[in-house]
PDB file of N, CA and C in Angstrom:
ATOM      1  N   MET A   1       2.863 -34.710   1.800  1.00  0.00           N
ATOM      2  CA  MET A   1       2.797 -35.696   0.742  1.00  0.00           C
ATOM      3  C   MET A   1       3.781 -36.945   0.569  1.00  0.00           C
ATOM      4  N   ALA A   2       2.944 -38.127   0.022  1.00  0.00           N
ATOM      5  CA  ALA A   2       3.776 -39.367   0.595  1.00  0.00           C
ATOM      6  C   ALA A   2       4.645 -39.464  -0.837  1.00  0.00           C
ATOM      7  N   GLU A   3       5.962 -39.901  -0.210  1.00  0.00           N
ATOM      8  CA  GLU A   3       6.709 -40.469  -1.414  1.00  0.00           C
ATOM      9  C   GLU A   3       6.426 -41.259  -2.233  1.00  0.00           C
ATOM     10  N   SER A   4       6.778 -41.358  -3.556  1.00  0.00           N
ATOM     11  CA  SER A   4       6.535 -42.281  -4.235  1.00  0.00           C
ATOM     12  C   SER A   4       6.702 -43.349  -4.535  1.00  0.00           C
ATOM     13  N   ARG A   5       7.145 -44.439  -5.084  1.00  0.00           N
ATOM     14  CA  ARG A   5       7.567 -45.741  -4.937  1.00  0.00           C
ATOM     15  C   ARG A   5       9.332 -45.281  -5.582  1.00  0.00           C
ATOM     16  N   SER A   6       9.480 -44.897  -6.951  1.00  0.00           N
ATOM     17  CA  SER A   6      10.641 -44.594  -7.094  1.00  0.00           C
ATOM     18  C   SER A   6      11.655 -43.619  -6.551  1.00  0.00           C
ATOM     19  N   HIS A   7      10.976 -42.878  -5.798  1.00  0.00           N
ATOM     20  CA  HIS A   7      11.529 -41.547  -4.969  1.00  0.00           C
ATOM     21  C   HIS A   7      12.210 -42.388  -3.731  1.00  0.00           C
ATOM     22  N   LYS A   8      11.845 -42.978  -3.363  1.00  0.00           N
ATOM     23  CA  LYS A   8      11.876 -43.962  -2.202  1.00  0.00           C
ATOM     24  C   LYS A   8      13.310 -44.915  -2.640  1.00  0.00           C
ATOM     25  N   LEU A   9      12.818 -45.814  -3.938  1.00  0.00           N
ATOM     26  CA  LEU A   9      14.253 -46.475  -4.280  1.00  0.00           C
ATOM     27  C   LEU A   9      15.385 -45.948  -4.637  1.00  0.00           C
ATOM     28  N   GLY A  10      15.205 -44.339  -5.034  1.00  0.00           N
ATOM     29  CA  GLY A  10      16.261 -43.466  -5.575  1.00  0.00           C
ATOM     30  C   GLY A  10      17.110 -43.187  -4.028  1.00  0.00           C
ATOM     31  N   LYS A  11      16.541 -43.489  -2.615  1.00  0.00           N
ATOM     32  CA  LYS A  11      17.345 -43.149  -1.686  1.00  0.00           C
ATOM     33  C   LYS A  11      18.422 -44.464  -1.316  1.00  0.00           C
ATOM     34  N   GLY A  12      17.875 -45.456  -1.536  1.00  0.00           N
ATOM     35  CA  GLY A  12      18.654 -46.707  -1.377  1.00  0.00           C
ATOM     36  C   GLY A  12      18.084 -46.991  -0.296  1.00  0.00           C
ATOM     37  N   ASN A  13      18.920 -47.986   0.536  1.00  0.00           N
ATOM     38  CA  ASN A  13      18.900 -48.392   2.114  1.00  0.00           C
ATOM     39  C   ASN A  13      18.554 -47.875   2.944  1.00  0.00           C
ATOM     40  N   ALA A  14      18.521 -46.131   3.311  1.00  0.00           N
ATOM     41  CA  ALA A  14      18.620 -45.076   3.817  1.00  0.00           C
ATOM     42  C   ALA A  14      16.601 -44.701   3.300  1.00  0.00           C
ATOM     43  N   ALA A  15      15.661 -45.721   2.489  1.00  0.00           N
ATOM     44  CA  ALA A  15      14.583 -45.236   2.467  1.00  0.00           C
ATOM     45  C   ALA A  15      13.507 -44.549   3.098  1.00  0.00           C
ATOM     46  N   ARG A  16      13.495 -44.950   4.496  1.00  0.00           N
ATOM     47  CA  ARG A  16      13.034 -43.980   5.393  1.00  0.00           C
ATOM     48  C   ARG A  16      13.273 -43.389   6.002  1.00  0.00           C
ATOM     49  N   THR A  17      14.582 -42.430   6.030  1.00  0.00           N
ATOM     50  CA  THR A  17      14.982 -41.383   6.868  1.00  0.00           C
ATOM     51  C   THR A  17      15.121 -40.071   5.850  1.00  0.00           C
ATOM     52  N   GLU A  18      14.237 -38.985   6.635  1.00  0.00           N
ATOM     53  CA  GLU A  18      14.838 -37.665   6.280  1.00  0.00           C
ATOM     54  C   GLU A  18      14.965 -36.861   7.354  1.00  0.00           C
ATOM     55  N   ILE A  19      16.224 -36.237   7.081  1.00  0.00           N
ATOM     56  CA  ILE A  19      16.972 -35.497   8.264  1.00  0.00           C
ATOM     57  C   ILE A  19      16.776 -33.828   8.072  1.00  0.00           C
ATOM     58  N   PRO A  20      15.853 -33.442   9.029  1.00  0.00           N
ATOM     59  CA  PRO A  20      15.302 -32.066   9.550  1.00  0.00           C
ATOM     60  C   PRO A  20      16.875 -31.129   9.317  1.00  0.00           C
ATOM     61  N   ILE A  21      16.628 -30.095   8.599  1.00  0.00           N
ATOM     62  CA  ILE A  21      17.562 -29.376   8.443  1.00  0.00           C
ATOM     63  C   ILE A  21      17.201 -27.321   8.757  1.00  0.00           C
ATOM     64  N   SER A  22      18.046 -26.732   8.648  1.00  0.00           N
ATOM     65  CA  SER A  22      17.310 -25.178   8.783  1.00  0.00           C
ATOM     66  C   SER A  22      15.815 -24.817   8.318  1.00  0.00           C
ATOM     67  N   GLY A  23      15.293 -23.845   8.586  1.00  0.00           N
ATOM     68  CA  GLY A  23      14.625 -23.544   7.429  1.00  0.00           C
ATOM     69  C   GLY A  23      13.391 -24.168   7.185  1.00  0.00           C
ATOM     70  N   ARG A  24      12.518 -24.977   8.430  1.00  0.00           N
ATOM     71  CA  ARG A  24      12.058 -26.147   8.438  1.00  0.00           C
ATOM     72  C   ARG A  24      11.582 -27.015   6.936  1.00  0.00           C
ATOM     73  N   ARG A  25      13.212 -27.558   7.102  1.00  0.00           N
ATOM     74  CA  ARG A  25      13.194 -28.198   5.540  1.00  0.00           C
ATOM     75  C   ARG A  25      13.936 -29.390   5.643  1.00  0.00           C
ATOM     76  N   ARG A  26      13.606 -30.794   5.232  1.00  0.00           N
ATOM     77  CA  ARG A  26      14.134 -31.784   5.130  1.00  0.00           C
ATOM     78  C   ARG A  26      14.773 -32.482   3.985  1.00  0.00           C
ATOM     79  N   LEU A  27      16.191 -32.920   3.805  1.00  0.00           N
ATOM     80  CA  LEU A  27      16.956 -33.689   3.625  1.00  0.00           C
ATOM     81  C   LEU A  27      16.393 -34.977   3.091  1.00  0.00           C
ATOM     82  N   ASP A  28      17.080 -35.520   1.617  1.00  0.00           N
ATOM     83  CA  ASP A  28      15.959 -37.228   1.833  1.00  0.00           C
ATOM     84  C   ASP A  28      17.186 -38.231   2.581  1.00  0.00           C
ATOM     85  N   ALA A  29      18.074 -38.088   2.447  1.00  0.00           N
ATOM     86  CA  ALA A  29      18.780 -39.257   3.526  1.00  0.00           C
ATOM     87  C   ALA A  29      20.106 -38.772   3.427  1.00  0.00           C
ATOM     88  N   ILE A  30      20.689 -39.253   4.414  1.00  0.00           N
ATOM     89  CA  ILE A  30      22.246 -39.127   4.741  1.00  0.00           C
ATOM     90  C   ILE A  30      22.756 -40.795   5.215  1.00  0.00           C
ATOM     91  N   ARG A  31      23.290 -41.446   4.341  1.00  0.00           N
ATOM     92  CA  ARG A  31      23.770 -42.869   4.274  1.00  0.00           C
ATOM     93  C   ARG A  31      25.778 -42.625   4.788  1.00  0.00           C
ATOM     94  N   GLY A  32      25.926 -42.757   5.706  1.00  0.00           N
ATOM     95  CA  GLY A  32      27.640 -42.853   5.781  1.00  0.00           C
ATOM     96  C   GLY A  32      28.102 -41.475   6.128  1.00  0.00           C
ATOM     97  N   HIS A  33      28.910 -41.174   4.961  1.00  0.00           N
ATOM     98  CA  HIS A  33      29.535 -40.055   4.919  1.00  0.00           C
ATOM     99  C   HIS A  33      29.193 -39.484   3.728  1.00  0.00           C
ATOM    100  N   TYR A  34      27.708 -39.568   2.900  1.00  0.00           N
ATOM    101  CA  TYR A  34      27.180 -39.206   2.123  1.00  0.00           C
ATOM    102  C   TYR A  34      25.699 -38.616   1.820  1.00  0.00           C
ATOM    103  N   ALA A  35      25.359 -37.159   1.746  1.00  0.00           N
ATOM    104  CA  ALA A  35      24.106 -37.055   1.549  1.00  0.00           C
ATOM    105  C   ALA A  35      23.733 -36.764   0.159  1.00  0.00           C
ATOM    106  N   ILE A  36      22.202 -37.491   0.086  1.00  0.00           N
ATOM    107  CA  ILE A  36      21.622 -37.614  -0.772  1.00  0.00           C
ATOM    108  C   ILE A  36      19.992 -37.144  -1.009  1.00  0.00           C
ATOM    109  N   GLU A  37      20.007 -37.045  -2.218  1.00  0.00           N
ATOM    110  CA  GLU A  37      18.676 -35.586  -2.699  1.00  0.00           C
ATOM    111  C   GLU A  37      18.334 -36.440  -3.790  1.00  0.00           C
ATOM    112  N   VAL A  38      17.093 -36.525  -3.993  1.00  0.00           N
ATOM    113  CA  VAL A  38      16.376 -37.010  -4.768  1.00  0.00           C
ATOM    114  C   VAL A  38      15.243 -35.815  -5.426  1.00  0.00           C
ATOM    115  N   GLU A  39      15.734 -35.907  -7.136  1.00  0.00           N
ATOM    116  CA  GLU A  39      14.864 -34.854  -7.438  1.00  0.00           C
ATOM    117  C   GLU A  39      14.034 -34.961  -8.717  1.00  0.00           C
ATOM    118  N   ARG A  40      12.711 -35.769  -8.527  1.00  0.00           N
ATOM    119  CA  ARG A  40      12.060 -36.547  -9.822  1.00  0.00           C
ATOM    120  C   ARG A  40      11.154 -35.245 -10.929  1.00  0.00           C
ATOM    121  N   SER A  41      10.816 -33.876 -10.032  1.00  0.00           N
ATOM    122  CA  SER A  41      10.267 -32.715 -11.406  1.00  0.00           C
ATOM    123  C   SER A  41      10.808 -32.827 -11.956  1.00  0.00           C
ATOM    124  N   GLY A  42      12.393 -32.267 -12.411  1.00  0.00           N
ATOM    125  CA  GLY A  42      13.181 -32.086 -13.921  1.00  0.00           C
ATOM    126  C   GLY A  42      12.714 -30.338 -13.947  1.00  0.00           C
ATOM    127  N   THR A  43      12.200 -30.075 -12.971  1.00  0.00           N
ATOM    128  CA  THR A  43      12.434 -28.396 -12.972  1.00  0.00           C
ATOM    129  C   THR A  43      13.521 -27.546 -12.639  1.00  0.00           C
ATOM    130  N   LYS A  44      13.794 -26.374 -13.197  1.00  0.00           N
ATOM    131  CA  LYS A  44      14.685 -25.461 -12.711  1.00  0.00           C
ATOM    132  C   LYS A  44      14.470 -25.413 -11.230  1.00  0.00           C
ATOM    133  N   LYS A  45      13.412 -24.783 -10.898  1.00  0.00           N
ATOM    134  CA  LYS A  45      13.135 -24.286  -9.612  1.00  0.00           C
ATOM    135  C   LYS A  45      13.061 -25.744  -8.497  1.00  0.00           C
ATOM    136  N   GLY A  46      12.766 -26.802  -8.754  1.00  0.00           N
ATOM    137  CA  GLY A  46      12.903 -28.138  -7.869  1.00  0.00           C
ATOM    138  C   GLY A  46      14.090 -28.421  -8.002  1.00  0.00           C
ATOM    139  N   LEU A  47      15.485 -28.542  -8.842  1.00  0.00           N
ATOM    140  CA  LEU A  47      16.454 -28.918  -9.062  1.00  0.00           C
ATOM    141  C   LEU A  47      17.220 -27.932  -8.147  1.00  0.00           C
ATOM    142  N   ALA A  48      17.056 -26.546  -8.075  1.00  0.00           N
ATOM    143  CA  ALA A  48      17.839 -25.361  -7.307  1.00  0.00           C
ATOM    144  C   ALA A  48      17.296 -25.695  -5.807  1.00  0.00           C
ATOM    145  N   GLN A  49      15.968 -25.980  -5.990  1.00  0.00           N
ATOM    146  CA  GLN A  49      15.968 -25.904  -4.152  1.00  0.00           C
ATOM    147  C   GLN A  49      16.525 -27.546  -3.786  1.00  0.00           C
ATOM    148  N   SER A  50      16.707 -28.206  -4.574  1.00  0.00           N
ATOM    149  CA  SER A  50      17.275 -29.241  -3.986  1.00  0.00           C
ATOM    150  C   SER A  50      19.171 -29.329  -3.880  1.00  0.00           C
ATOM    151  N   LEU A  51      19.335 -28.410  -4.429  1.00  0.00           N
ATOM    152  CA  LEU A  51      20.923 -28.353  -4.729  1.00  0.00           C
ATOM    153  C   LEU A  51      20.685 -27.409  -3.204  1.00  0.00           C
ATOM    154  N   SER A  52      20.122 -26.433  -2.931  1.00  0.00           N
ATOM    155  CA  SER A  52      20.166 -25.612  -1.929  1.00  0.00           C
ATOM    156  C   SER A  52      19.953 -26.655  -0.434  1.00  0.00           C
ATOM    157  N   ARG A  53      19.071 -27.763  -0.264  1.00  0.00           N
ATOM    158  CA  ARG A  53      19.402 -28.455   0.471  1.00  0.00           C
ATOM    159  C   ARG A  53      20.692 -29.225   0.813  1.00  0.00           C
ATOM    160  N   LEU A  54      21.259 -29.719   0.002  1.00  0.00           N
ATOM    161  CA  LEU A  54      22.237 -30.237  -0.150  1.00  0.00           C
ATOM    162  C   LEU A  54      23.154 -29.258  -0.023  1.00  0.00           C
ATOM    163  N   ARG A  55      23.291 -28.225   0.104  1.00  0.00           N
ATOM    164  CA  ARG A  55      24.459 -27.402   0.473  1.00  0.00           C
ATOM    165  C   ARG A  55      24.256 -27.062   2.198  1.00  0.00           C
ATOM    166  N   THR A  56      23.551 -27.899   2.638  1.00  0.00           N
ATOM    167  CA  THR A  56      23.928 -27.224   3.900  1.00  0.00           C
ATOM    168  C   THR A  56      24.815 -28.293   4.327  1.00  0.00           C
ATOM    169  N   GLN A  57      25.067 -29.125   3.871  1.00  0.00           N
ATOM    170  CA  GLN A  57      25.478 -30.273   4.165  1.00  0.00           C
ATOM    171  C   GLN A  57      27.554 -30.394   4.171  1.00  0.00           C
ATOM    172  N   ARG A  58      28.152 -29.562   4.972  1.00  0.00           N
ATOM    173  CA  ARG A  58      29.104 -29.249   4.765  1.00  0.00           C
ATOM    174  C   ARG A  58      30.213 -30.151   4.656  1.00  0.00           C
ATOM    175  N   ASN A  59      30.310 -31.343   5.478  1.00  0.00           N
ATOM    176  CA  ASN A  59      30.763 -32.521   5.661  1.00  0.00           C
ATOM    177  C   ASN A  59      30.695 -34.032   5.333  1.00  0.00           C
ATOM    178  N   LYS A  60      29.708 -33.373   4.342  1.00  0.00           N
ATOM    179  CA  LYS A  60      29.357 -34.643   3.290  1.00  0.00           C
ATOM    180  C   LYS A  60      29.697 -34.548   1.647  1.00  0.00           C
ATOM    181  N   SER A  61      30.379 -36.039   1.098  1.00  0.00           N
ATOM    182  CA  SER A  61      29.522 -36.207  -0.076  1.00  0.00           C
ATOM    183  C   SER A  61      28.629 -36.121  -0.716  1.00  0.00           C
ATOM    184  N   LYS A  62      27.870 -35.266  -1.619  1.00  0.00           N
ATOM    185  CA  LYS A  62      26.474 -34.678  -2.127  1.00  0.00           C
ATOM    186  C   LYS A  62      26.396 -35.440  -3.496  1.00  0.00           C
ATOM    187  N   ILE A  63      24.849 -36.067  -3.102  1.00  0.00           N
ATOM    188  CA  ILE A  63      24.826 -37.183  -4.720  1.00  0.00           C
ATOM    189  C   ILE A  63      23.286 -36.429  -4.580  1.00  0.00           C
ATOM    190  N   LEU A  64      23.157 -36.085  -6.164  1.00  0.00           N
ATOM    191  CA  LEU A  64      21.670 -35.341  -6.621  1.00  0.00           C
ATOM    192  C   LEU A  64      21.339 -36.541  -7.414  1.00  0.00           C
ATOM    193  N   ARG A  65      20.562 -36.916  -7.252  1.00  0.00           N
ATOM    194  CA  ARG A  65      19.338 -38.325  -7.997  1.00  0.00           C
ATOM    195  C   ARG A  65      18.569 -37.539  -8.622  1.00  0.00           C
ATOM    196  N   VAL A  66      18.604 -37.873 -10.449  1.00  0.00           N
ATOM    197  CA  VAL A  66      17.289 -37.458 -11.263  1.00  0.00           C
ATOM    198  C   VAL A  66      17.168 -38.048 -12.312  1.00  0.00           C
ATOM    199  N   PRO A  67      15.944 -37.805 -13.178  1.00  0.00           N
ATOM    200  CA  PRO A  67      15.922 -39.387 -14.013  1.00  0.00           C
ATOM    201  C   PRO A  67      16.740 -38.837 -15.068  1.00  0.00           C
ATOM    202  N   GLN A  68      17.093 -40.015 -15.820  1.00  0.00           N
ATOM    203  CA  GLN A  68      17.979 -39.316 -16.531  1.00  0.00           C
ATOM    204  C   GLN A  68      18.032 -38.393 -17.767  1.00  0.00           C
ATOM    205  N   GLN A  69      16.970 -38.195 -18.183  1.00  0.00           N
ATOM    206  CA  GLN A  69      16.421 -37.232 -19.418  1.00  0.00           C
ATOM    207  C   GLN A  69      17.035 -36.107 -18.686  1.00  0.00           C
ATOM    208  N   ASP A  70      16.842 -35.890 -17.507  1.00  0.00           N
ATOM    209  CA  ASP A  70      17.399 -34.515 -16.601  1.00  0.00           C
ATOM    210  C   ASP A  70      18.700 -34.478 -16.246  1.00  0.00           C
ATOM    211  N   MET A  71      19.778 -35.705 -16.489  1.00  0.00           N
ATOM    212  CA  MET A  71      20.800 -35.316 -16.139  1.00  0.00           C
ATOM    213  C   MET A  71      21.622 -33.793 -16.615  1.00  0.00           C
ATOM    214  N   ASP A  72      21.336 -33.856 -17.836  1.00  0.00           N
ATOM    215  CA  ASP A  72      22.460 -32.583 -18.246  1.00  0.00           C
ATOM    216  C   ASP A  72      21.734 -31.308 -17.500  1.00  0.00           C
ATOM    217  N   LYS A  73      20.348 -31.310 -17.529  1.00  0.00           N
ATOM    218  CA  LYS A  73      20.211 -29.692 -16.749  1.00  0.00           C
ATOM    219  C   LYS A  73      20.649 -29.848 -15.283  1.00  0.00           C
ATOM    220  N   ALA A  74      20.164 -30.949 -14.877  1.00  0.00           N
ATOM    221  CA  ALA A  74      21.240 -30.798 -13.602  1.00  0.00           C
ATOM    222  C   ALA A  74      22.410 -30.496 -13.603  1.00  0.00           C
ATOM    223  N   VAL A  75      23.116 -30.754 -14.097  1.00  0.00           N
ATOM    224  CA  VAL A  75      24.772 -30.747 -14.289  1.00  0.00           C
ATOM    225  C   VAL A  75      25.164 -29.058 -14.670  1.00  0.00           C
ATOM    226  N   LYS A  76      23.979 -28.692 -15.839  1.00  0.00           N
ATOM    227  CA  LYS A  76      24.829 -27.532 -16.025  1.00  0.00           C
ATOM    228  C   LYS A  76      24.011 -26.511 -14.687  1.00  0.00           C
ATOM    229  N   LEU A  77      23.149 -27.071 -14.163  1.00  0.00           N
ATOM    230  CA  LEU A  77      22.620 -25.829 -13.046  1.00  0.00           C
ATOM    231  C   LEU A  77      23.769 -26.041 -11.938  1.00  0.00           C
ATOM    232  N   THR A  78      24.175 -27.681 -11.647  1.00  0.00           N
ATOM    233  CA  THR A  78      24.764 -27.663 -10.606  1.00  0.00           C
ATOM    234  C   THR A  78      26.381 -26.940 -10.338  1.00  0.00           C
ATOM    235  N   ARG A  79      26.581 -26.811 -12.009  1.00  0.00           N
ATOM    236  CA  ARG A  79      28.132 -25.970 -12.493  1.00  0.00           C
ATOM    237  C   ARG A  79      28.258 -24.477 -12.468  1.00  0.00           C
ATOM    238  N   SER A  80      26.829 -24.393 -12.299  1.00  0.00           N
ATOM    239  CA  SER A  80      26.913 -22.523 -12.448  1.00  0.00           C
ATOM    240  C   SER A  80      26.559 -22.146 -11.067  1.00  0.00           C
ATOM    241  N   LYS A  81      26.194 -22.936 -10.135  1.00  0.00           N
ATOM    242  CA  LYS A  81      25.917 -22.436  -8.954  1.00  0.00           C
ATOM    243  C   LYS A  81      27.327 -22.769  -8.052  1.00  0.00           C
ATOM    244  N   GLY A  82      28.375 -23.518  -8.793  1.00  0.00           N
ATOM    245  CA  GLY A  82      29.769 -23.751  -8.068  1.00  0.00           C
ATOM    246  C   GLY A  82      29.898 -24.859  -7.429  1.00  0.00           C
ATOM    247  N   MET A  83      28.714 -25.361  -7.029  1.00  0.00           N
ATOM    248  CA  MET A  83      28.852 -27.195  -6.505  1.00  0.00           C
ATOM    249  C   MET A  83      29.675 -27.944  -6.785  1.00  0.00           C
ATOM    250  N   ASN A  84      30.278 -29.042  -5.918  1.00  0.00           N
ATOM    251  CA  ASN A  84      30.588 -30.079  -6.151  1.00  0.00           C
ATOM    252  C   ASN A  84      30.057 -31.390  -5.943  1.00  0.00           C
ATOM    253  N   VAL A  85      28.679 -31.500  -6.874  1.00  0.00           N
ATOM    254  CA  VAL A  85      27.874 -32.610  -6.557  1.00  0.00           C
ATOM    255  C   VAL A  85      27.799 -33.705  -7.582  1.00  0.00           C
ATOM    256  N   THR A  86      27.762 -34.938  -7.167  1.00  0.00           N
ATOM    257  CA  THR A  86      27.533 -35.629  -8.324  1.00  0.00           C
ATOM    258  C   THR A  86      26.336 -36.129  -8.429  1.00  0.00           C
ATOM    259  N   VAL A  87      25.893 -36.585  -9.811  1.00  0.00           N
ATOM    260  CA  VAL A  87      24.518 -36.300 -10.137  1.00  0.00           C
ATOM    261  C   VAL A  87      24.641 -37.682 -11.030  1.00  0.00           C
ATOM    262  N   THR A  88      23.156 -38.472 -10.433  1.00  0.00           N
ATOM    263  CA  THR A  88      23.031 -39.886 -11.103  1.00  0.00           C
ATOM    264  C   THR A  88      21.753 -39.915 -11.423  1.00  0.00           C
ATOM    265  N   ASN A  89      21.356 -41.015 -12.336  1.00  0.00           N
ATOM    266  CA  ASN A  89      20.042 -40.855 -12.376  1.00  0.00           C
ATOM    267  C   ASN A  89      19.580 -42.102 -11.317  1.00  0.00           C
ATOM    268  N   LEU A  90      18.450 -42.102 -11.234  1.00  0.00           N
ATOM    269  CA  LEU A  90      17.841 -42.705 -10.560  1.00  0.00           C
ATOM    270  C   LEU A  90      17.765 -44.238 -10.172  1.00  0.00           C
ATOM    271  N   SER A  91      18.428 -44.914 -10.945  1.00  0.00           N
ATOM    272  CA  SER A  91      18.891 -46.556 -11.169  1.00  0.00           C
ATOM    273  C   SER A  91      20.320 -46.574 -10.921  1.00  0.00           C
ATOM    274  N   LYS A  92      21.262 -45.565 -10.700  1.00  0.00           N
ATOM    275  CA  LYS A  92      22.321 -45.159 -10.032  1.00  0.00           C
ATOM    276  C   LYS A  92      23.565 -46.089 -11.090  1.00  0.00           C
ATOM    277  N   THR A  93      22.896 -45.836 -12.629  1.00  0.00           N
ATOM    278  CA  THR A  93      24.093 -46.657 -13.393  1.00  0.00           C
ATOM    279  C   THR A  93      24.733 -45.871 -14.190  1.00  0.00           C
ATOM    280  N   LYS A  94      24.451 -44.108 -14.185  1.00  0.00           N
ATOM    281  CA  LYS A  94      25.507 -43.683 -14.945  1.00  0.00           C
ATOM    282  C   LYS A  94      25.348 -42.169 -13.511  1.00  0.00           C
ATOM    283  N   ARG A  95      26.628 -41.886 -13.376  1.00  0.00           N
ATOM    284  CA  ARG A  95      26.765 -40.480 -12.650  1.00  0.00           C
ATOM    285  C   ARG A  95      27.522 -39.917 -13.747  1.00  0.00           C
ATOM    286  N   ARG A  96      27.453 -38.681 -13.535  1.00  0.00           N
ATOM    287  CA  ARG A  96      28.473 -37.596 -13.567  1.00  0.00           C
ATOM    288  C   ARG A  96      29.151 -36.303 -12.645  1.00  0.00           C
ATOM    289  N   LYS A  97      30.025 -36.038 -12.568  1.00  0.00           N
ATOM    290  CA  LYS A  97      30.642 -35.156 -11.488  1.00  0.00           C
ATOM    291  C   LYS A  97      30.446 -33.653 -12.128  1.00  0.00           C
ATOM    292  N   ALA A  98      29.792 -32.963 -11.101  1.00  0.00           N
ATOM    293  CA  ALA A  98      29.758 -31.559 -11.323  1.00  0.00           C
ATOM    294  C   ALA A  98      30.402 -30.742 -10.670  1.00  0.00           C
TER     295      ALA A  98
END
């Protein structure tokens, strides 16, 4: 399925890159030493899948971009999984370290 415009904007300058990872999955973007995953669904299942894709990147700083109303949910799930991930909103104006 094609990516929406806001999904591409959430990835920043690396908007057209998807990186193949194990398990026939794809990570949204890698920019320098940052691994970026954009999750717009807001469901617990979707967030968990995004976090599992980020978990494969061992030597990168991880950024999970979600809509602002889902930031609390994403931070809570990230902390329960014990991951070191920065959660930001789609426009990159707010961020929380989880």
